[in-house]
C-alpha atoms as a PDB file:
ATOM      1  CA  MET A   1     -14.614  -1.324 -13.365  1.00  0.00           C
ATOM      2  CA  ALA A   2     -12.157  -2.009 -15.972  1.00  0.00           C
ATOM      3  CA  LYS A   3     -11.896  -5.349 -18.091  1.00  0.00           C
ATOM      4  CA  ASP A   4      -8.185  -5.916 -17.567  1.00  0.00           C
ATOM      5  CA  CYS A   5      -8.794  -5.828 -13.978  1.00  0.00           C
ATOM      6  CA  PHE A   6      -9.827  -9.482 -14.455  1.00  0.00           C
ATOM      7  CA  TYR A   7      -7.120 -10.775 -16.647  1.00  0.00           C
ATOM      8  CA  PHE A   8      -3.674 -11.621 -16.469  1.00  0.00           C
ATOM      9  CA  SER A   9      -1.514 -14.310 -18.217  1.00  0.00           C
ATOM     10  CA  HIS A  10      -0.123 -17.189 -16.393  1.00  0.00           C
ATOM     11  CA  ASP A  11       1.414 -20.624 -17.442  1.00  0.00           C
ATOM     12  CA  SER A  12      -1.081 -23.431 -17.280  1.00  0.00           C
ATOM     13  CA  ASN A  13       2.071 -25.849 -15.785  1.00  0.00           C
ATOM     14  CA  ALA A  14       2.636 -23.427 -13.015  1.00  0.00           C
ATOM     15  CA  LYS A  15       1.792 -26.481 -10.010  1.00  0.00           C
ATOM     16  CA  ASP A  16       5.079 -28.313 -11.925  1.00  0.00           C
ATOM     17  CA  ASP A  17       7.553 -25.374 -11.097  1.00  0.00           C
ATOM     18  CA  PRO A  18       9.970 -27.177  -8.382  1.00  0.00           C
ATOM     19  CA  LYS A  19       9.875 -24.311  -5.937  1.00  0.00           C
ATOM     20  CA  ILE A  20       5.667 -24.864  -5.974  1.00  0.00           C
ATOM     21  CA  VAL A  21       6.161 -28.170  -5.878  1.00  0.00           C
ATOM     22  CA  MET A  22       8.067 -27.966  -2.607  1.00  0.00           C
ATOM     23  CA  MET A  23       5.406 -25.916  -1.359  1.00  0.00           C
ATOM     24  CA  ILE A  24       2.920 -28.083  -2.177  1.00  0.00           C
ATOM     25  CA  GLU A  25       4.888 -30.970  -0.348  1.00  0.00           C
ATOM     26  CA  GLN A  26       5.145 -29.176   2.927  1.00  0.00           C
ATOM     27  CA  MET A  27       1.727 -27.043   3.002  1.00  0.00           C
ATOM     28  CA  GLY A  28      -0.511 -29.046   0.425  1.00  0.00           C
ATOM     29  CA  LEU A  29      -3.153 -27.390  -1.410  1.00  0.00           C
ATOM     30  CA  GLU A  30      -3.602 -24.723   0.815  1.00  0.00           C
ATOM     31  CA  GLY A  31      -0.202 -23.012   0.497  1.00  0.00           C
ATOM     32  CA  PHE A  32      -0.651 -23.231  -3.580  1.00  0.00           C
ATOM     33  CA  GLY A  33      -4.220 -21.406  -3.074  1.00  0.00           C
ATOM     34  CA  ILE A  34      -2.354 -18.607  -0.647  1.00  0.00           C
ATOM     35  CA  TYR A  35      -0.087 -18.361  -3.333  1.00  0.00           C
ATOM     36  CA  TRP A  36      -2.445 -17.489  -6.298  1.00  0.00           C
ATOM     37  CA  VAL A  37      -4.330 -15.379  -3.631  1.00  0.00           C
ATOM     38  CA  LEU A  38      -1.378 -13.499  -3.096  1.00  0.00           C
ATOM     39  CA  ILE A  39      -0.470 -13.301  -6.963  1.00  0.00           C
ATOM     40  CA  GLU A  40      -4.225 -11.752  -7.571  1.00  0.00           C
ATOM     41  CA  ILE A  41      -3.608  -9.193  -5.168  1.00  0.00           C
ATOM     42  CA  LEU A  42      -0.478  -8.118  -6.884  1.00  0.00           C
ATOM     43  CA  ARG A  43      -2.199  -7.953 -10.276  1.00  0.00           C
ATOM     44  CA  ASP A  44      -4.602  -5.213  -8.452  1.00  0.00           C
ATOM     45  CA  GLN A  45      -1.934  -2.687  -7.403  1.00  0.00           C
ATOM     46  CA  PRO A  46      -1.131  -0.151  -9.521  1.00  0.00           C
ATOM     47  CA  THR A  47       2.751  -0.780  -9.001  1.00  0.00           C
ATOM     48  CA  TYR A  48       2.066  -4.788  -8.489  1.00  0.00           C
ATOM     49  CA  LYS A  49       3.809  -4.791  -4.916  1.00  0.00           C
ATOM     50  CA  TYR A  50       1.806  -5.036  -1.812  1.00  0.00           C
ATOM     51  CA  PRO A  51       3.099  -3.861   1.591  1.00  0.00           C
ATOM     52  CA  LEU A  52       4.404  -6.642   3.963  1.00  0.00           C
ATOM     53  CA  SER A  53       2.389  -4.935   7.363  1.00  0.00           C
ATOM     54  CA  LEU A  54      -0.906  -5.898   5.616  1.00  0.00           C
ATOM     55  CA  ILE A  55      -0.356  -9.628   5.259  1.00  0.00           C
ATOM     56  CA  PRO A  56      -2.162 -10.202   8.738  1.00  0.00           C
ATOM     57  CA  ALA A  57      -5.442  -8.252   7.498  1.00  0.00           C
ATOM     58  CA  MET A  58      -4.935  -9.962   4.365  1.00  0.00           C
ATOM     59  CA  ALA A  59      -4.798 -13.389   6.094  1.00  0.00           C
ATOM     60  CA  ARG A  60      -7.845 -12.458   8.341  1.00  0.00           C
ATOM     61  CA  ARG A  61      -9.913 -11.882   4.918  1.00  0.00           C
ATOM     62  CA  TYR A  62      -8.743 -15.020   3.457  1.00  0.00           C
ATOM     63  CA  ASN A  63      -9.522 -17.115   6.275  1.00  0.00           C
ATOM     64  CA  THR A  64      -5.926 -18.194   6.768  1.00  0.00           C
ATOM     65  CA  THR A  65      -3.223 -17.112   9.119  1.00  0.00           C
ATOM     66  CA  ALA A  66      -0.203 -14.162   8.772  1.00  0.00           C
ATOM     67  CA  GLU A  67       2.315 -17.196   9.689  1.00  0.00           C
ATOM     68  CA  LYS A  68       1.335 -19.542   6.546  1.00  0.00           C
ATOM     69  CA  MET A  69       1.354 -16.302   4.043  1.00  0.00           C
ATOM     70  CA  LYS A  70       4.759 -14.876   5.395  1.00  0.00           C
ATOM     71  CA  ILE A  71       6.011 -18.426   4.572  1.00  0.00           C
ATOM     72  CA  VAL A  72       4.767 -18.687   1.150  1.00  0.00           C
ATOM     73  CA  VAL A  73       5.944 -14.887   0.474  1.00  0.00           C
ATOM     74  CA  SER A  74       9.583 -15.758   1.990  1.00  0.00           C
ATOM     75  CA  GLY A  75      10.079 -19.270   2.440  1.00  0.00           C
ATOM     76  CA  TYR A  76      10.338 -20.627  -1.315  1.00  0.00           C
ATOM     77  CA  GLY A  77      11.965 -18.042  -3.278  1.00  0.00           C
ATOM     78  CA  LEU A  78       8.306 -17.398  -5.211  1.00  0.00           C
ATOM     79  CA  PHE A  79       8.403 -13.579  -4.202  1.00  0.00           C
ATOM     80  CA  GLU A  80      10.941 -10.617  -3.859  1.00  0.00           C
ATOM     81  CA  ILE A  81      11.051  -8.935  -0.889  1.00  0.00           C
ATOM     82  CA  ASP A  82      12.041  -5.264  -1.255  1.00  0.00           C
ATOM     83  CA  GLU A  83      12.522  -3.482   2.376  1.00  0.00           C
ATOM     84  CA  ASP A  84       8.719  -2.981   3.473  1.00  0.00           C
ATOM     85  CA  VAL A  85       7.143  -4.317   0.163  1.00  0.00           C
ATOM     86  CA  PHE A  86       6.904  -7.711  -1.759  1.00  0.00           C
ATOM     87  CA  PHE A  87       6.466  -8.605  -5.172  1.00  0.00           C
ATOM     88  CA  SER A  88       6.658 -11.145  -7.754  1.00  0.00           C
ATOM     89  CA  ILE A  89       9.283 -10.536 -10.770  1.00  0.00           C
ATOM     90  CA  SER A  90       7.293 -13.140 -12.978  1.00  0.00           C
ATOM     91  CA  LEU A  91       3.906 -11.017 -12.688  1.00  0.00           C
ATOM     92  CA  MET A  92       5.745  -7.662 -13.007  1.00  0.00           C
ATOM     93  CA  ASN A  93       7.442  -9.316 -16.205  1.00  0.00           C
ATOM     94  CA  ARG A  94       4.156 -10.183 -17.479  1.00  0.00           C
ATOM     95  CA  MET A  95       2.204  -7.131 -16.583  1.00  0.00           C
ATOM     96  CA  GLY A  96       5.120  -5.189 -18.361  1.00  0.00           C
ATOM     97  CA  LYS A  97       4.328  -6.763 -21.977  1.00  0.00           C
ATOM     98  CA  MET A  98       0.409  -6.371 -21.214  1.00  0.00           C
ATOM     99  CA  ASP A  99       1.168  -2.877 -20.610  1.00  0.00           C
ATOM    100  CA  ALA A 100       3.111  -1.899 -23.151  1.00  0.00           C
ATOM    101  CA  MET A 101       0.793  -3.362 -25.835  1.00  0.00           C
ATOM    102  CA  ARG A 102      -1.906  -1.523 -24.121  1.00  0.00           C
ATOM    103  CA  GLN A 103      -0.192   1.525 -24.601  1.00  0.00           C
ATOM    104  CA  GLN A 104       0.378   0.416 -28.344  1.00  0.00           C
ATOM    105  CA  ARG A 105      -3.161   0.110 -29.095  1.00  0.00           C
ATOM    106  CA  ILE A 106      -4.040   3.624 -27.534  1.00  0.00           C
ATOM    107  CA  GLU A 107      -1.448   5.115 -29.885  1.00  0.00           C
ATOM    108  CA  ALA A 108      -2.538   3.046 -33.008  1.00  0.00           C
ATOM    109  CA  GLY A 109      -6.241   4.205 -31.964  1.00  0.00           C
ATOM    110  CA  LYS A 110      -5.101   8.050 -32.270  1.00  0.00           C
ATOM    111  CA  LYS A 111      -3.677   7.750 -35.143  1.00  0.00           C
ATOM    112  CA  SER A 112      -6.931   6.010 -36.907  1.00  0.00           C
ATOM    113  CA  ALA A 113      -8.886   8.370 -35.694  1.00  0.00           C
ATOM    114  CA  GLU A 114      -6.753  11.538 -36.642  1.00  0.00           C
ATOM    115  CA  LYS A 115      -6.679   9.940 -40.296  1.00  0.00           C
ATOM    116  CA  ARG A 116     -10.415   9.558 -39.882  1.00  0.00           C
ATOM    117  CA  LEU A 117     -10.875  13.089 -39.207  1.00  0.00           C
ATOM    118  CA  LEU A 118      -8.771  14.467 -42.055  1.00  0.00           C
ATOM    119  CA  LEU A 119     -10.265  11.581 -44.651  1.00  0.00           C
ATOM    120  CA  ASN A 120     -14.010  13.324 -43.824  1.00  0.00           C
ATOM    121  CA  GLU A 121     -12.699  16.783 -44.076  1.00  0.00           C
ATOM    122  CA  LYS A 122     -10.776  16.262 -47.762  1.00  0.00           C
ATOM    123  CA  PRO A 123     -12.478  18.373 -50.582  1.00  0.00           C
ATOM    124  CA  THR A 124     -14.164  17.398 -53.348  1.00  0.00           C
ATOM    125  CA  THR A 125     -12.033  19.749 -55.722  1.00  0.00           C
ATOM    126  CA  VAL A 126      -8.705  19.250 -56.367  1.00  0.00           C
ATOM    127  CA  GLU A 127      -7.586  22.714 -55.023  1.00  0.00           C
ATOM    128  CA  ARG A 128      -8.433  23.808 -51.329  1.00  0.00           C
ATOM    129  CA  PRO A 129      -8.807  27.262 -50.374  1.00  0.00           C
ATOM    130  CA  LEU A 130      -6.445  28.224 -47.689  1.00  0.00           C
ATOM    131  CA  ASN A 131      -9.102  29.301 -45.269  1.00  0.00           C
ATOM    132  CA  GLU A 132     -10.736  25.609 -45.319  1.00  0.00           C
ATOM    133  CA  LYS A 133      -7.436  24.347 -44.640  1.00  0.00           C
ATOM    134  CA  ALA A 134      -6.740  26.685 -41.729  1.00  0.00           C
ATOM    135  CA  THR A 135     -10.371  25.653 -40.255  1.00  0.00           C
ATOM    136  CA  SER A 136      -9.264  21.982 -40.648  1.00  0.00           C
ATOM    137  CA  VAL A 137      -6.164  22.371 -38.541  1.00  0.00           C
ATOM    138  CA  GLN A 138      -8.139  24.267 -36.205  1.00  0.00           C
ATOM    139  CA  GLN A 139     -11.050  21.444 -35.830  1.00  0.00           C
ATOM    140  CA  LEU A 140      -8.102  19.045 -35.183  1.00  0.00           C
ATOM    141  CA  LYS A 141      -6.480  21.054 -32.435  1.00  0.00           C
ATOM    142  CA  GLU A 142      -9.685  21.134 -30.744  1.00  0.00           C
ATOM    143  CA  SER A 143     -10.487  17.654 -30.818  1.00  0.00           C
ATOM    144  CA  LYS A 144      -7.080  16.722 -29.600  1.00  0.00           C
ATOM    145  CA  VAL A 145      -7.706  19.273 -26.624  1.00  0.00           C
ATOM    146  CA  LYS A 146     -10.871  17.926 -26.086  1.00  0.00           C
ATOM    147  CA  GLU A 147      -9.815  14.218 -25.943  1.00  0.00           C
ATOM    148  CA  SER A 148      -7.243  15.107 -23.779  1.00  0.00           C
ATOM    149  CA  LYS A 149      -9.272  16.553 -21.216  1.00  0.00           C
ATOM    150  CA  VAL A 150     -11.731  13.772 -21.430  1.00  0.00           C
ATOM    151  CA  LYS A 151      -9.139  11.527 -20.693  1.00  0.00           C
ATOM    152  CA  GLU A 152      -7.656  13.446 -17.867  1.00  0.00           C
ATOM    153  CA  LYS A 153     -11.205  13.765 -16.222  1.00  0.00           C
ATOM    154  CA  LYS A 154     -11.510   9.991 -16.337  1.00  0.00           C
ATOM    155  CA  ARG A 155      -7.999   9.221 -14.928  1.00  0.00           C
ATOM    156  CA  LYS A 156      -8.752  11.409 -12.065  1.00  0.00           C
ATOM    157  CA  GLU A 157     -12.385   9.438 -11.475  1.00  0.00           C
ATOM    158  CA  ILE A 158     -10.936   6.052 -11.427  1.00  0.00           C
ATOM    159  CA  LYS A 159      -9.858   4.427  -8.175  1.00  0.00           C
ATOM    160  CA  ASN A 160      -6.755   2.437  -7.451  1.00  0.00           C
ATOM    161  CA  THR A 161      -6.291   0.321  -4.645  1.00  0.00           C
ATOM    162  CA  TYR A 162      -3.763   1.549  -2.335  1.00  0.00           C
ATOM    163  CA  SER A 163      -4.196  -1.325   0.070  1.00  0.00           C
ATOM    164  CA  GLU A 164      -6.539  -4.293   0.802  1.00  0.00           C
ATOM    165  CA  PHE A 165      -9.441  -1.855   1.876  1.00  0.00           C
ATOM    166  CA  VAL A 166      -8.284   1.309   0.889  1.00  0.00           C
ATOM    167  CA  THR A 167      -9.053   2.993  -2.430  1.00  0.00           C
ATOM    168  CA  MET A 168      -8.494   6.603  -3.781  1.00  0.00           C
ATOM    169  CA  THR A 169      -7.912   8.162  -7.237  1.00  0.00           C
ATOM    170  CA  THR A 170      -4.425   9.198  -8.184  1.00  0.00           C
ATOM    171  CA  ASP A 171      -4.822  12.619  -7.819  1.00  0.00           C
ATOM    172  CA  GLU A 172      -6.459  12.302  -4.380  1.00  0.00           C
ATOM    173  CA  TYR A 173      -3.097  10.294  -3.446  1.00  0.00           C
ATOM    174  CA  ASP A 174      -0.749  12.405  -4.912  1.00  0.00           C
ATOM    175  CA  ARG A 175      -2.036  15.370  -2.950  1.00  0.00           C
ATOM    176  CA  LEU A 176      -1.928  13.488   0.248  1.00  0.00           C
ATOM    177  CA  VAL A 177       1.843  12.592  -0.637  1.00  0.00           C
ATOM    178  CA  ASN A 178       2.583  16.519  -1.376  1.00  0.00           C
ATOM    179  CA  GLU A 179       0.514  17.655   1.977  1.00  0.00           C
ATOM    180  CA  PHE A 180       2.184  14.963   4.210  1.00  0.00           C
ATOM    181  CA  GLY A 181       4.869  13.026   2.488  1.00  0.00           C
ATOM    182  CA  GLN A 182       5.167   9.396   1.175  1.00  0.00           C
ATOM    183  CA  ASP A 183       6.029   7.746   4.215  1.00  0.00           C
ATOM    184  CA  ALA A 184       3.711   8.917   6.421  1.00  0.00           C
ATOM    185  CA  VAL A 185       0.639   8.455   3.638  1.00  0.00           C
ATOM    186  CA  ILE A 186       1.734   4.724   3.471  1.00  0.00           C
ATOM    187  CA  ARG A 187       1.366   4.639   7.423  1.00  0.00           C
ATOM    188  CA  MET A 188      -1.942   6.395   7.603  1.00  0.00           C
ATOM    189  CA  ILE A 189      -3.263   4.026   4.705  1.00  0.00           C
ATOM    190  CA  GLU A 190      -2.111   1.181   6.898  1.00  0.00           C
ATOM    191  CA  ILE A 191      -4.072   2.637   9.865  1.00  0.00           C
ATOM    192  CA  LEU A 192      -7.372   3.194   7.830  1.00  0.00           C
ATOM    193  CA  ASN A 193      -7.039  -0.458   6.076  1.00  0.00           C
ATOM    194  CA  ASN A 194      -6.025  -2.228   9.276  1.00  0.00           C
ATOM    195  CA  TYR A 195      -9.394  -0.192  11.157  1.00  0.00           C
ATOM    196  CA  LYS A 196     -11.799  -0.707   7.815  1.00  0.00           C
ATOM    197  CA  GLY A 197     -10.510  -4.594   7.645  1.00  0.00           C
ATOM    198  CA  ALA A 198     -11.434  -5.182  11.634  1.00  0.00           C
ATOM    199  CA  ASN A 199     -14.633  -3.599  11.711  1.00  0.00           C
ATOM    200  CA  GLY A 200     -16.007  -3.895   8.390  1.00  0.00           C
ATOM    201  CA  LYS A 201     -16.319  -0.050   8.001  1.00  0.00           C
ATOM    202  CA  LYS A 202     -17.065   1.505   4.533  1.00  0.00           C
ATOM    203  CA  TYR A 203     -16.311   4.971   3.561  1.00  0.00           C
ATOM    204  CA  ASP A 204     -17.960   6.984   0.390  1.00  0.00           C
ATOM    205  CA  SER A 205     -14.392   8.780   0.151  1.00  0.00           C
ATOM    206  CA  ASP A 206     -11.323   6.973   1.801  1.00  0.00           C
ATOM    207  CA  ASN A 207      -9.315  10.161   0.844  1.00  0.00           C
ATOM    208  CA  LEU A 208     -11.881  12.371   2.968  1.00  0.00           C
ATOM    209  CA  ALA A 209     -11.525   9.586   5.938  1.00  0.00           C
ATOM    210  CA  ILE A 210      -7.875  10.085   6.170  1.00  0.00           C
ATOM    211  CA  ARG A 211      -8.138  13.699   6.363  1.00  0.00           C
ATOM    212  CA  ASN A 212     -10.790  13.773   8.652  1.00  0.00           C
ATOM    213  CA  TRP A 213      -9.303  11.398  11.670  1.00  0.00           C
ATOM    214  CA  VAL A 214      -6.710   9.003  10.215  1.00  0.00           C
ATOM    215  CA  ALA A 215      -4.049  12.077  10.121  1.00  0.00           C
ATOM    216  CA  LYS A 216      -4.723  12.973  13.617  1.00  0.00           C
ATOM    217  CA  ARG A 217      -4.289   9.282  14.657  1.00  0.00           C
ATOM    218  CA  TYR A 218      -1.430   9.524  12.984  1.00  0.00           C
ATOM    219  CA  GLN A 219      -0.042  12.696  14.179  1.00  0.00           C
ATOM    220  CA  GLU A 220      -1.049  11.149  18.009  1.00  0.00           C
ATOM    221  CA  GLU A 221       1.239   8.544  17.341  1.00  0.00           C
ATOM    222  CA  GLN A 222       4.444  10.498  15.991  1.00  0.00           C
ATOM    223  CA  ASN A 223       3.934  12.570  19.202  1.00  0.00           C
ATOM    224  CA  GLN A 224       4.013   9.108  21.189  1.00  0.00           C
ATOM    225  CA  THR A 225       6.964   7.899  19.430  1.00  0.00           C
ATOM    226  CA  VAL A 226       8.896  10.839  19.990  1.00  0.00           C
ATOM    227  CA  LEU A 227       8.169  11.068  23.594  1.00  0.00           C
ATOM    228  CA  PHE A 228       9.436   7.602  24.194  1.00  0.00           C
ATOM    229  CA  SER A 229      12.515   8.255  22.018  1.00  0.00           C
ATOM    230  CA  ASN A 230      13.535  11.164  24.070  1.00  0.00           C
ATOM    231  CA  LYS A 231      13.648   9.389  27.357  1.00  0.00           C
ATOM    232  CA  PRO A 232      17.078   8.938  28.625  1.00  0.00           C
ATOM    233  CA  LYS A 233      18.118   5.251  28.438  1.00  0.00           C
ATOM    234  CA  MET A 234      20.144   3.681  31.510  1.00  0.00           C
ATOM    235  CA  ASN A 235      22.630   1.157  31.049  1.00  0.00           C
ATOM    236  CA  LYS A 236      22.822  -1.966  33.154  1.00  0.00           C
ATOM    237  CA  ARG A 237      24.834  -0.197  36.119  1.00  0.00           C
ATOM    238  CA  GLU A 238      22.637   2.721  36.071  1.00  0.00           C
ATOM    239  CA  GLN A 239      19.862   0.556  36.174  1.00  0.00           C
ATOM    240  CA  GLN A 240      21.202  -1.386  39.302  1.00  0.00           C
ATOM    241  CA  LEU A 241      21.855   1.792  41.426  1.00  0.00           C
ATOM    242  CA  ASP A 242      18.404   3.215  40.457  1.00  0.00           C
ATOM    243  CA  GLU A 243      16.693  -0.237  42.028  1.00  0.00           C
ATOM    244  CA  VAL A 244      19.031   0.240  45.330  1.00  0.00           C
ATOM    245  CA  GLY A 245      18.078   3.796  45.727  1.00  0.00           C
ATOM    246  CA  ARG A 246      14.593   2.649  45.501  1.00  0.00           C
ATOM    247  CA  MET A 247      14.924   0.186  48.199  1.00  0.00           C
ATOM    248  CA  PHE A 248      16.360   2.491  50.531  1.00  0.00           C
ATOM    249  CA  GLU A 249      13.534   4.993  49.876  1.00  0.00           C
ATOM    250  CA  GLU A 250      11.033   1.906  50.586  1.00  0.00           C
ATOM    251  CA  TYR A 251      12.825   1.312  53.702  1.00  0.00           C
ATOM    252  CA  ASP A 252      12.811   4.869  55.061  1.00  0.00           C
ATOM    253  CA  ARG A 253       9.468   5.041  54.366  1.00  0.00           C
ATOM    254  CA  ILE A 254       8.338   1.724  56.057  1.00  0.00           C
ATOM    255  CA  ASN A 255      10.944   2.538  58.953  1.00  0.00           C
ATOM    256  CA  SER A 256       9.517   6.074  59.487  1.00  0.00           C
ATOM    257  CA  GLN A 257       5.998   5.021  59.757  1.00  0.00           C
ATOM    258  CA  GLN A 258       7.215   2.016  62.397  1.00  0.00           C
ATOM    259  CA  ASN A 259       9.104   4.712  64.618  1.00  0.00           C
ATOM    260  CA  ASN A 260       6.132   6.562  64.814  1.00  0.00           C
ATOM    261  CA  ASN A 261       4.703   3.519  66.044  1.00  0.00           C
ATOM    262  CA  GLY A 262       7.338   2.749  68.463  1.00  0.00           C
ATOM    263  CA  VAL A 263       8.797   0.003  66.379  1.00  0.00           C
ATOM    264  CA  CYS A 264      12.391  -0.038  64.693  1.00  0.00           C
ATOM    265  CA  ARG A 265      12.997  -2.096  61.430  1.00  0.00           C
ATOM    266  CA  GLN A 266      16.439  -3.714  60.573  1.00  0.00           C
ATOM    267  CA  LEU A 267      17.567  -3.904  57.040  1.00  0.00           C
ATOM    268  CA  PRO A 268      18.108  -7.352  56.002  1.00  0.00           C
ATOM    269  CA  GLN A 269      21.038  -9.115  56.469  1.00  0.00           C
ATOM    270  CA  SER A 270      21.444  -9.256  52.485  1.00  0.00           C
ATOM    271  CA  TRP A 271      21.732  -5.833  52.195  1.00  0.00           C
END
């Protein structure tokens, strides 16, 4: 695991923020602990955002309740909510600066490596033959191509956390999105995450688990949703008429049975 996965900056006096003071006043230090658990989980996400639907599973894992976590997320202005995800503006600003510095170091390292390569190939004579110059340029190009391939391979092998219990590479995630669509992939990740969280199940490849059985479960869920959505709805008057019709059908059935036994049943006076 990369070293930066364990680190992010935060203020030593965060506890004195008025919003946090109010939270501690109402929820005690448990609320403060829940807040930092949420911040650390957001830090480990590729986009520094987390689905609201996974709060119950997260609460079970950290031995608290979903209600308390939801209060911390939405009750004190410490987090922002955008449709079905939540995030921290403060964390995203801090991580934005760290990501920019990291990218600057990467670019500086590339330039330094190129300079060292050129210095190592510098000739001892004043003039350099054209064929040597061409060879140096070709070697530099080959070095860049090789470096690019190595970085691309490492990028494909690194697994990102897309929910509490589900990880996969960026390439695996992108292929799922291209095949099933963004909304479907988010729901399938949620299905797999809930299953692993509830059962303690582990897979060598969450990507293969999604393709093997989660996709089928998602399709069954969608078919069930379509089935119920296509069923016509009755208004209140239609429901009343339907109920009266069923009462008369039941009366006719019972009266028919009793007529066969020589008994005639009267309708209730309220009918």
